């Protein structure tokens, strides 16, 4: 599996994140996508590791399935891993 080329990040305040991270707007070939979710469900069952908050794997899989580019293929790989490693992620 290839490394992802796009970081999709749910934020409560995307404007603040743009300033704090000194991000620049890109019309094409963006590698960071800040998302202001329409529903707080994306923050349900998040987990932390190394000081970073991660979305639930079920949320990530759903987002990848409906995402651009290689997203659907990445979702299939993730779901296969989830099936094989259910004990590792269901407790989160």
PDB file of N, CA and C in Angstrom:
ATOM      1  N   UNK A   1       0.847  -1.187   0.000  1.00  0.00           N
ATOM      2  CA  UNK A   1       0.000   0.000   0.000  1.00  0.00           C
ATOM      3  C   UNK A   1       0.885   1.241   0.000  1.00  0.00           C
ATOM      4  N   UNK A   2       0.527   2.171  -0.815  1.00  0.00           N
ATOM      5  CA  UNK A   2       1.281   3.419  -0.923  1.00  0.00           C
ATOM      6  C   UNK A   2       0.876   4.389   0.182  1.00  0.00           C
ATOM      7  N   UNK A   3       1.780   5.243   0.548  1.00  0.00           N
ATOM      8  CA  UNK A   3       1.490   6.272   1.553  1.00  0.00           C
ATOM      9  C   UNK A   3       0.458   7.245   0.994  1.00  0.00           C
ATOM     10  N   UNK A   4      -0.443   7.731   1.835  1.00  0.00           N
ATOM     11  CA  UNK A   4      -1.442   8.685   1.355  1.00  0.00           C
ATOM     12  C   UNK A   4      -0.794   9.996   0.926  1.00  0.00           C
ATOM     13  N   UNK A   5      -1.421  10.655  -0.022  1.00  0.00           N
ATOM     14  CA  UNK A   5      -0.914  11.935  -0.519  1.00  0.00           C
ATOM     15  C   UNK A   5      -1.702  13.123   0.006  1.00  0.00           C
ATOM     16  N   UNK A   6      -2.796  12.847   0.708  1.00  0.00           N
ATOM     17  CA  UNK A   6      -3.672  13.914   1.182  1.00  0.00           C
ATOM     18  C   UNK A   6      -3.995  13.692   2.650  1.00  0.00           C
ATOM     19  N   UNK A   7      -3.812  14.717   3.465  1.00  0.00           N
ATOM     20  CA  UNK A   7      -4.217  14.678   4.867  1.00  0.00           C
ATOM     21  C   UNK A   7      -5.552  15.400   4.971  1.00  0.00           C
ATOM     22  N   UNK A   8      -6.578  14.678   5.368  1.00  0.00           N
ATOM     23  CA  UNK A   8      -7.901  15.271   5.578  1.00  0.00           C
ATOM     24  C   UNK A   8      -8.111  15.393   7.078  1.00  0.00           C
ATOM     25  N   UNK A   9      -8.325  16.617   7.550  1.00  0.00           N
ATOM     26  CA  UNK A   9      -8.376  16.880   8.983  1.00  0.00           C
ATOM     27  C   UNK A   9      -9.679  17.589   9.330  1.00  0.00           C
ATOM     28  N   UNK A  10     -10.462  16.979  10.240  1.00  0.00           N
ATOM     29  CA  UNK A  10     -11.673  17.631  10.728  1.00  0.00           C
ATOM     30  C   UNK A  10     -11.274  18.658  11.779  1.00  0.00           C
ATOM     31  N   UNK A  11     -11.813  19.856  11.665  1.00  0.00           N
ATOM     32  CA  UNK A  11     -11.484  20.950  12.574  1.00  0.00           C
ATOM     33  C   UNK A  11     -12.757  21.646  13.022  1.00  0.00           C
ATOM     34  N   UNK A  12     -12.742  22.123  14.262  1.00  0.00           N
ATOM     35  CA  UNK A  12     -13.850  22.966  14.712  1.00  0.00           C
ATOM     36  C   UNK A  12     -13.708  24.388  14.189  1.00  0.00           C
ATOM     37  N   UNK A  13     -12.477  24.814  13.936  1.00  0.00           N
ATOM     38  CA  UNK A  13     -12.233  26.166  13.448  1.00  0.00           C
ATOM     39  C   UNK A  13     -11.134  26.110  12.389  1.00  0.00           C
ATOM     40  N   UNK A  14     -11.519  25.932  11.139  1.00  0.00           N
ATOM     41  CA  UNK A  14     -10.531  25.783  10.073  1.00  0.00           C
ATOM     42  C   UNK A  14      -9.731  27.065   9.860  1.00  0.00           C
ATOM     43  N   UNK A  15     -10.350  28.212  10.044  1.00  0.00           N
ATOM     44  CA  UNK A  15      -9.645  29.480   9.864  1.00  0.00           C
ATOM     45  C   UNK A  15      -8.489  29.623  10.836  1.00  0.00           C
ATOM     46  N   UNK A  16      -8.720  29.267  12.083  1.00  0.00           N
ATOM     47  CA  UNK A  16      -7.660  29.329  13.090  1.00  0.00           C
ATOM     48  C   UNK A  16      -6.525  28.372  12.742  1.00  0.00           C
ATOM     49  N   UNK A  17      -6.873  27.184  12.262  1.00  0.00           N
ATOM     50  CA  UNK A  17      -5.849  26.196  11.894  1.00  0.00           C
ATOM     51  C   UNK A  17      -5.010  26.676  10.721  1.00  0.00           C
ATOM     52  N   UNK A  18      -5.636  27.313   9.738  1.00  0.00           N
ATOM     53  CA  UNK A  18      -4.905  27.833   8.580  1.00  0.00           C
ATOM     54  C   UNK A  18      -3.847  28.824   9.045  1.00  0.00           C
ATOM     55  N   UNK A  19      -4.216  29.705   9.948  1.00  0.00           N
ATOM     56  CA  UNK A  19      -3.260  30.695  10.451  1.00  0.00           C
ATOM     57  C   UNK A  19      -2.180  30.041  11.306  1.00  0.00           C
ATOM     58  N   UNK A  20      -2.577  29.181  12.225  1.00  0.00           N
ATOM     59  CA  UNK A  20      -1.612  28.563  13.138  1.00  0.00           C
ATOM     60  C   UNK A  20      -0.597  27.685  12.404  1.00  0.00           C
ATOM     61  N   UNK A  21      -1.039  27.036  11.335  1.00  0.00           N
ATOM     62  CA  UNK A  21      -0.163  26.132  10.584  1.00  0.00           C
ATOM     63  C   UNK A  21       0.478  26.798   9.373  1.00  0.00           C
ATOM     64  N   UNK A  22       0.150  28.066   9.144  1.00  0.00           N
ATOM     65  CA  UNK A  22       0.686  28.820   8.005  1.00  0.00           C
ATOM     66  C   UNK A  22       0.447  28.092   6.685  1.00  0.00           C
ATOM     67  N   UNK A  23      -0.810  27.614   6.513  1.00  0.00           N
ATOM     68  CA  UNK A  23      -1.169  26.919   5.277  1.00  0.00           C
ATOM     69  C   UNK A  23      -1.520  27.919   4.191  1.00  0.00           C
ATOM     70  N   UNK A  24      -1.307  27.512   2.955  1.00  0.00           N
ATOM     71  CA  UNK A  24      -1.660  28.347   1.807  1.00  0.00           C
ATOM     72  C   UNK A  24      -2.727  27.641   0.985  1.00  0.00           C
ATOM     73  N   UNK A  25      -3.641  28.409   0.432  1.00  0.00           N
ATOM     74  CA  UNK A  25      -4.706  27.861  -0.398  1.00  0.00           C
ATOM     75  C   UNK A  25      -4.125  27.363  -1.722  1.00  0.00           C
ATOM     76  N   UNK A  26      -4.608  26.215  -2.172  1.00  0.00           N
ATOM     77  CA  UNK A  26      -4.171  25.648  -3.450  1.00  0.00           C
ATOM     78  C   UNK A  26      -5.395  25.261  -4.258  1.00  0.00           C
ATOM     79  N   UNK A  27      -5.430  25.674  -5.511  1.00  0.00           N
ATOM     80  CA  UNK A  27      -6.543  25.320  -6.390  1.00  0.00           C
ATOM     81  C   UNK A  27      -6.410  23.890  -6.897  1.00  0.00           C
ATOM     82  N   UNK A  28      -5.169  23.425  -7.044  1.00  0.00           N
ATOM     83  CA  UNK A  28      -4.918  22.052  -7.492  1.00  0.00           C
ATOM     84  C   UNK A  28      -3.766  21.472  -6.683  1.00  0.00           C
ATOM     85  N   UNK A  29      -3.694  20.162  -6.659  1.00  0.00           N
ATOM     86  CA  UNK A  29      -2.592  19.422  -6.023  1.00  0.00           C
ATOM     87  C   UNK A  29      -2.418  19.746  -4.541  1.00  0.00           C
ATOM     88  N   UNK A  30      -3.509  19.969  -3.836  1.00  0.00           N
ATOM     89  CA  UNK A  30      -3.421  20.213  -2.398  1.00  0.00           C
ATOM     90  C   UNK A  30      -3.019  18.932  -1.688  1.00  0.00           C
ATOM     91  N   UNK A  31      -2.307  19.067  -0.564  1.00  0.00           N
ATOM     92  CA  UNK A  31      -1.942  17.880   0.202  1.00  0.00           C
ATOM     93  C   UNK A  31      -2.516  17.914   1.618  1.00  0.00           C
ATOM     94  N   UNK A  32      -3.235  18.981   1.948  1.00  0.00           N
ATOM     95  CA  UNK A  32      -3.925  19.087   3.228  1.00  0.00           C
ATOM     96  C   UNK A  32      -5.330  19.607   2.950  1.00  0.00           C
ATOM     97  N   UNK A  33      -6.315  18.934   3.536  1.00  0.00           N
ATOM     98  CA  UNK A  33      -7.701  19.376   3.393  1.00  0.00           C
ATOM     99  C   UNK A  33      -8.282  19.540   4.800  1.00  0.00           C
ATOM    100  N   UNK A  34      -8.604  20.774   5.165  1.00  0.00           N
ATOM    101  CA  UNK A  34      -9.226  21.054   6.455  1.00  0.00           C
ATOM    102  C   UNK A  34     -10.730  21.030   6.266  1.00  0.00           C
ATOM    103  N   UNK A  35     -11.399  20.275   7.110  1.00  0.00           N
ATOM    104  CA  UNK A  35     -12.837  20.067   6.938  1.00  0.00           C
ATOM    105  C   UNK A  35     -13.589  20.563   8.166  1.00  0.00           C
ATOM    106  N   UNK A  36     -14.521  21.453   7.949  1.00  0.00           N
ATOM    107  CA  UNK A  36     -15.423  21.920   8.991  1.00  0.00           C
ATOM    108  C   UNK A  36     -16.670  21.049   8.874  1.00  0.00           C
ATOM    109  N   UNK A  37     -16.807  20.028   9.716  1.00  0.00           N
ATOM    110  CA  UNK A  37     -17.902  19.074   9.537  1.00  0.00           C
ATOM    111  C   UNK A  37     -19.276  19.686   9.786  1.00  0.00           C
ATOM    112  N   UNK A  38     -20.253  19.169   9.070  1.00  0.00           N
ATOM    113  CA  UNK A  38     -21.620  19.652   9.255  1.00  0.00           C
ATOM    114  C   UNK A  38     -22.273  18.998  10.466  1.00  0.00           C
ATOM    115  N   UNK A  39     -21.645  17.957  10.994  1.00  0.00           N
ATOM    116  CA  UNK A  39     -22.193  17.211  12.124  1.00  0.00           C
ATOM    117  C   UNK A  39     -21.044  16.777  13.031  1.00  0.00           C
ATOM    118  N   UNK A  40     -21.254  16.830  14.317  1.00  0.00           N
ATOM    119  CA  UNK A  40     -20.192  16.482  15.267  1.00  0.00           C
ATOM    120  C   UNK A  40     -19.922  14.977  15.357  1.00  0.00           C
ATOM    121  N   UNK A  41     -20.672  14.166  14.637  1.00  0.00           N
ATOM    122  CA  UNK A  41     -20.486  12.713  14.695  1.00  0.00           C
ATOM    123  C   UNK A  41     -19.063  12.318  14.294  1.00  0.00           C
ATOM    124  N   UNK A  42     -18.391  13.129  13.480  1.00  0.00           N
ATOM    125  CA  UNK A  42     -17.025  12.795  13.066  1.00  0.00           C
ATOM    126  C   UNK A  42     -16.064  12.782  14.247  1.00  0.00           C
ATOM    127  N   UNK A  43     -16.453  13.428  15.363  1.00  0.00           N
ATOM    128  CA  UNK A  43     -15.603  13.452  16.549  1.00  0.00           C
ATOM    129  C   UNK A  43     -15.937  12.334  17.538  1.00  0.00           C
ATOM    130  N   UNK A  44     -16.959  11.540  17.238  1.00  0.00           N
ATOM    131  CA  UNK A  44     -17.315  10.416  18.106  1.00  0.00           C
ATOM    132  C   UNK A  44     -16.255   9.322  17.991  1.00  0.00           C
ATOM    133  N   UNK A  45     -15.955   8.708  19.083  1.00  0.00           N
ATOM    134  CA  UNK A  45     -15.023   7.568  19.170  1.00  0.00           C
ATOM    135  C   UNK A  45     -13.628   7.897  18.627  1.00  0.00           C
ATOM    136  N   UNK A  46     -13.211   9.149  18.787  1.00  0.00           N
ATOM    137  CA  UNK A  46     -11.834   9.489  18.428  1.00  0.00           C
ATOM    138  C   UNK A  46     -10.898   8.865  19.458  1.00  0.00           C
ATOM    139  N   UNK A  47      -9.627   8.800  19.120  1.00  0.00           N
ATOM    140  CA  UNK A  47      -8.633   8.269  20.050  1.00  0.00           C
ATOM    141  C   UNK A  47      -7.339   9.044  19.890  1.00  0.00           C
ATOM    142  N   UNK A  48      -6.500   8.993  20.921  1.00  0.00           N
ATOM    143  CA  UNK A  48      -5.255   9.766  20.907  1.00  0.00           C
ATOM    144  C   UNK A  48      -4.054   8.843  20.905  1.00  0.00           C
ATOM    145  N   UNK A  49      -3.033   9.280  20.186  1.00  0.00           N
ATOM    146  CA  UNK A  49      -1.760   8.584  20.147  1.00  0.00           C
ATOM    147  C   UNK A  49      -0.668   9.584  19.836  1.00  0.00           C
ATOM    148  N   UNK A  50       0.368   9.602  20.649  1.00  0.00           N
ATOM    149  CA  UNK A  50       1.497  10.525  20.454  1.00  0.00           C
ATOM    150  C   UNK A  50       1.049  11.978  20.365  1.00  0.00           C
ATOM    151  N   UNK A  51       0.043  12.338  21.151  1.00  0.00           N
ATOM    152  CA  UNK A  51      -0.410  13.721  21.190  1.00  0.00           C
ATOM    153  C   UNK A  51      -1.298  14.143  20.035  1.00  0.00           C
ATOM    154  N   UNK A  52      -1.686  13.196  19.185  1.00  0.00           N
ATOM    155  CA  UNK A  52      -2.533  13.491  18.026  1.00  0.00           C
ATOM    156  C   UNK A  52      -3.882  12.809  18.222  1.00  0.00           C
ATOM    157  N   UNK A  53      -4.960  13.501  17.905  1.00  0.00           N
ATOM    158  CA  UNK A  53      -6.295  12.911  17.983  1.00  0.00           C
ATOM    159  C   UNK A  53      -6.650  12.343  16.614  1.00  0.00           C
ATOM    160  N   UNK A  54      -7.060  11.081  16.605  1.00  0.00           N
ATOM    161  CA  UNK A  54      -7.393  10.376  15.369  1.00  0.00           C
ATOM    162  C   UNK A  54      -8.885  10.087  15.314  1.00  0.00           C
ATOM    163  N   UNK A  55      -9.444  10.128  14.118  1.00  0.00           N
ATOM    164  CA  UNK A  55     -10.846   9.762  13.913  1.00  0.00           C
ATOM    165  C   UNK A  55     -11.006   8.256  14.083  1.00  0.00           C
ATOM    166  N   UNK A  56     -12.216   7.840  14.412  1.00  0.00           N
ATOM    167  CA  UNK A  56     -12.514   6.410  14.496  1.00  0.00           C
ATOM    168  C   UNK A  56     -12.254   5.769  13.135  1.00  0.00           C
ATOM    169  N   UNK A  57     -11.727   4.555  13.140  1.00  0.00           N
ATOM    170  CA  UNK A  57     -11.423   3.890  11.876  1.00  0.00           C
ATOM    171  C   UNK A  57     -12.659   3.700  11.016  1.00  0.00           C
ATOM    172  N   UNK A  58     -13.812   3.505  11.637  1.00  0.00           N
ATOM    173  CA  UNK A  58     -15.043   3.377  10.861  1.00  0.00           C
ATOM    174  C   UNK A  58     -15.352   4.690  10.128  1.00  0.00           C
ATOM    175  N   UNK A  59     -15.065   5.828  10.763  1.00  0.00           N
ATOM    176  CA  UNK A  59     -15.256   7.133  10.119  1.00  0.00           C
ATOM    177  C   UNK A  59     -14.271   7.299   8.963  1.00  0.00           C
ATOM    178  N   UNK A  60     -13.021   6.911   9.197  1.00  0.00           N
ATOM    179  CA  UNK A  60     -11.996   7.019   8.156  1.00  0.00           C
ATOM    180  C   UNK A  60     -12.380   6.168   6.948  1.00  0.00           C
ATOM    181  N   UNK A  61     -12.828   4.943   7.202  1.00  0.00           N
ATOM    182  CA  UNK A  61     -13.215   4.057   6.099  1.00  0.00           C
ATOM    183  C   UNK A  61     -14.364   4.665   5.298  1.00  0.00           C
ATOM    184  N   UNK A  62     -15.358   5.196   5.982  1.00  0.00           N
ATOM    185  CA  UNK A  62     -16.481   5.828   5.286  1.00  0.00           C
ATOM    186  C   UNK A  62     -16.058   7.027   4.463  1.00  0.00           C
ATOM    187  N   UNK A  63     -15.172   7.838   5.021  1.00  0.00           N
ATOM    188  CA  UNK A  63     -14.686   9.013   4.289  1.00  0.00           C
ATOM    189  C   UNK A  63     -13.886   8.596   3.059  1.00  0.00           C
ATOM    190  N   UNK A  64     -13.045   7.579   3.217  1.00  0.00           N
ATOM    191  CA  UNK A  64     -12.246   7.115   2.081  1.00  0.00           C
ATOM    192  C   UNK A  64     -13.122   6.545   0.972  1.00  0.00           C
ATOM    193  N   UNK A  65     -14.166   5.816   1.354  1.00  0.00           N
ATOM    194  CA  UNK A  65     -15.059   5.225   0.349  1.00  0.00           C
ATOM    195  C   UNK A  65     -15.683   6.285  -0.554  1.00  0.00           C
ATOM    196  N   UNK A  66     -15.974   7.438   0.021  1.00  0.00           N
ATOM    197  CA  UNK A  66     -16.618   8.487  -0.771  1.00  0.00           C
ATOM    198  C   UNK A  66     -15.640   9.573  -1.209  1.00  0.00           C
ATOM    199  N   UNK A  67     -14.356   9.349  -0.976  1.00  0.00           N
ATOM    200  CA  UNK A  67     -13.351  10.353  -1.287  1.00  0.00           C
ATOM    201  C   UNK A  67     -12.824  10.277  -2.705  1.00  0.00           C
ATOM    202  N   UNK A  68     -11.987  11.234  -3.045  1.00  0.00           N
ATOM    203  CA  UNK A  68     -11.428  11.314  -4.397  1.00  0.00           C
ATOM    204  C   UNK A  68     -10.238  10.386  -4.598  1.00  0.00           C
ATOM    205  N   UNK A  69      -9.813  10.254  -5.822  1.00  0.00           N
ATOM    206  CA  UNK A  69      -8.578   9.534  -6.154  1.00  0.00           C
ATOM    207  C   UNK A  69      -8.560   8.095  -5.693  1.00  0.00           C
ATOM    208  N   UNK A  70      -7.505   7.747  -4.962  1.00  0.00           N
ATOM    209  CA  UNK A  70      -7.328   6.373  -4.495  1.00  0.00           C
ATOM    210  C   UNK A  70      -8.120   6.064  -3.231  1.00  0.00           C
ATOM    211  N   UNK A  71      -8.909   7.004  -2.768  1.00  0.00           N
ATOM    212  CA  UNK A  71      -9.650   6.830  -1.524  1.00  0.00           C
ATOM    213  C   UNK A  71     -10.407   5.515  -1.422  1.00  0.00           C
ATOM    214  N   UNK A  72     -11.212   5.150  -2.418  1.00  0.00           N
ATOM    215  CA  UNK A  72     -11.952   3.890  -2.327  1.00  0.00           C
ATOM    216  C   UNK A  72     -11.042   2.655  -2.216  1.00  0.00           C
ATOM    217  N   UNK A  73      -9.920   2.660  -2.917  1.00  0.00           N
ATOM    218  CA  UNK A  73      -8.989   1.533  -2.818  1.00  0.00           C
ATOM    219  C   UNK A  73      -8.340   1.489  -1.434  1.00  0.00           C
ATOM    220  N   UNK A  74      -8.015   2.668  -0.892  1.00  0.00           N
ATOM    221  CA  UNK A  74      -7.454   2.735   0.450  1.00  0.00           C
ATOM    222  C   UNK A  74      -8.483   2.252   1.475  1.00  0.00           C
ATOM    223  N   UNK A  75      -9.757   2.579   1.253  1.00  0.00           N
ATOM    224  CA  UNK A  75     -10.822   2.129   2.152  1.00  0.00           C
ATOM    225  C   UNK A  75     -10.913   0.609   2.164  1.00  0.00           C
ATOM    226  N   UNK A  76     -10.814  -0.003   1.008  1.00  0.00           N
ATOM    227  CA  UNK A  76     -10.877  -1.474   0.937  1.00  0.00           C
ATOM    228  C   UNK A  76      -9.734  -2.101   1.717  1.00  0.00           C
ATOM    229  N   UNK A  77      -8.529  -1.548   1.584  1.00  0.00           N
ATOM    230  CA  UNK A  77      -7.373  -2.056   2.330  1.00  0.00           C
ATOM    231  C   UNK A  77      -7.593  -1.886   3.830  1.00  0.00           C
ATOM    232  N   UNK A  78      -8.084  -0.712   4.228  1.00  0.00           N
ATOM    233  CA  UNK A  78      -8.337  -0.449   5.642  1.00  0.00           C
ATOM    234  C   UNK A  78      -9.383  -1.409   6.186  1.00  0.00           C
ATOM    235  N   UNK A  79     -10.465  -1.629   5.442  1.00  0.00           N
ATOM    236  CA  UNK A  79     -11.527  -2.521   5.915  1.00  0.00           C
ATOM    237  C   UNK A  79     -11.041  -3.967   6.016  1.00  0.00           C
ATOM    238  N   UNK A  80     -10.158  -4.374   5.129  1.00  0.00           N
ATOM    239  CA  UNK A  80      -9.573  -5.709   5.233  1.00  0.00           C
ATOM    240  C   UNK A  80      -8.739  -5.808   6.508  1.00  0.00           C
ATOM    241  N   UNK A  81      -7.959  -4.770   6.791  1.00  0.00           N
ATOM    242  CA  UNK A  81      -7.163  -4.761   8.019  1.00  0.00           C
ATOM    243  C   UNK A  81      -8.088  -4.783   9.226  1.00  0.00           C
ATOM    244  N   UNK A  82      -9.161  -4.000   9.182  1.00  0.00           N
ATOM    245  CA  UNK A  82     -10.099  -3.954  10.298  1.00  0.00           C
ATOM    246  C   UNK A  82     -10.713  -5.326  10.558  1.00  0.00           C
ATOM    247  N   UNK A  83     -11.049  -6.050   9.497  1.00  0.00           N
ATOM    248  CA  UNK A  83     -11.606  -7.397   9.668  1.00  0.00           C
ATOM    249  C   UNK A  83     -10.595  -8.338  10.307  1.00  0.00           C
ATOM    250  N   UNK A  84      -9.353  -8.253   9.882  1.00  0.00           N
ATOM    251  CA  UNK A  84      -8.311  -9.147  10.382  1.00  0.00           C
ATOM    252  C   UNK A  84      -7.835  -8.767  11.790  1.00  0.00           C
ATOM    253  N   UNK A  85      -8.071  -7.530  12.207  1.00  0.00           N
ATOM    254  CA  UNK A  85      -7.552  -7.033  13.487  1.00  0.00           C
ATOM    255  C   UNK A  85      -8.644  -6.404  14.344  1.00  0.00           C
ATOM    256  N   UNK A  86      -9.786  -7.027  14.378  1.00  0.00           N
ATOM    257  CA  UNK A  86     -10.931  -6.452  15.064  1.00  0.00           C
ATOM    258  C   UNK A  86     -10.651  -6.124  16.530  1.00  0.00           C
ATOM    259  N   UNK A  87      -9.888  -6.960  17.214  1.00  0.00           N
ATOM    260  CA  UNK A  87      -9.579  -6.721  18.616  1.00  0.00           C
ATOM    261  C   UNK A  87      -8.770  -5.441  18.816  1.00  0.00           C
ATOM    262  N   UNK A  88      -7.989  -5.064  17.838  1.00  0.00           N
ATOM    263  CA  UNK A  88      -7.103  -3.896  17.962  1.00  0.00           C
ATOM    264  C   UNK A  88      -7.852  -2.581  17.857  1.00  0.00           C
ATOM    265  N   UNK A  89      -8.961  -2.539  17.136  1.00  0.00           N
ATOM    266  CA  UNK A  89      -9.625  -1.255  16.936  1.00  0.00           C
ATOM    267  C   UNK A  89     -10.998  -1.146  17.561  1.00  0.00           C
ATOM    268  N   UNK A  90     -11.671  -2.237  17.831  1.00  0.00           N
ATOM    269  CA  UNK A  90     -13.037  -2.166  18.389  1.00  0.00           C
ATOM    270  C   UNK A  90     -13.055  -1.599  19.805  1.00  0.00           C
ATOM    271  N   UNK A  91     -11.976  -1.749  20.529  1.00  0.00           N
ATOM    272  CA  UNK A  91     -11.945  -1.261  21.916  1.00  0.00           C
ATOM    273  C   UNK A  91     -11.771   0.238  22.001  1.00  0.00           C
ATOM    274  N   UNK A  92     -11.431   0.881  20.926  1.00  0.00           N
ATOM    275  CA  UNK A  92     -11.180   2.324  20.925  1.00  0.00           C
ATOM    276  C   UNK A  92     -12.472   3.089  20.972  1.00  0.00           C
TER     277      UNK A  92
END
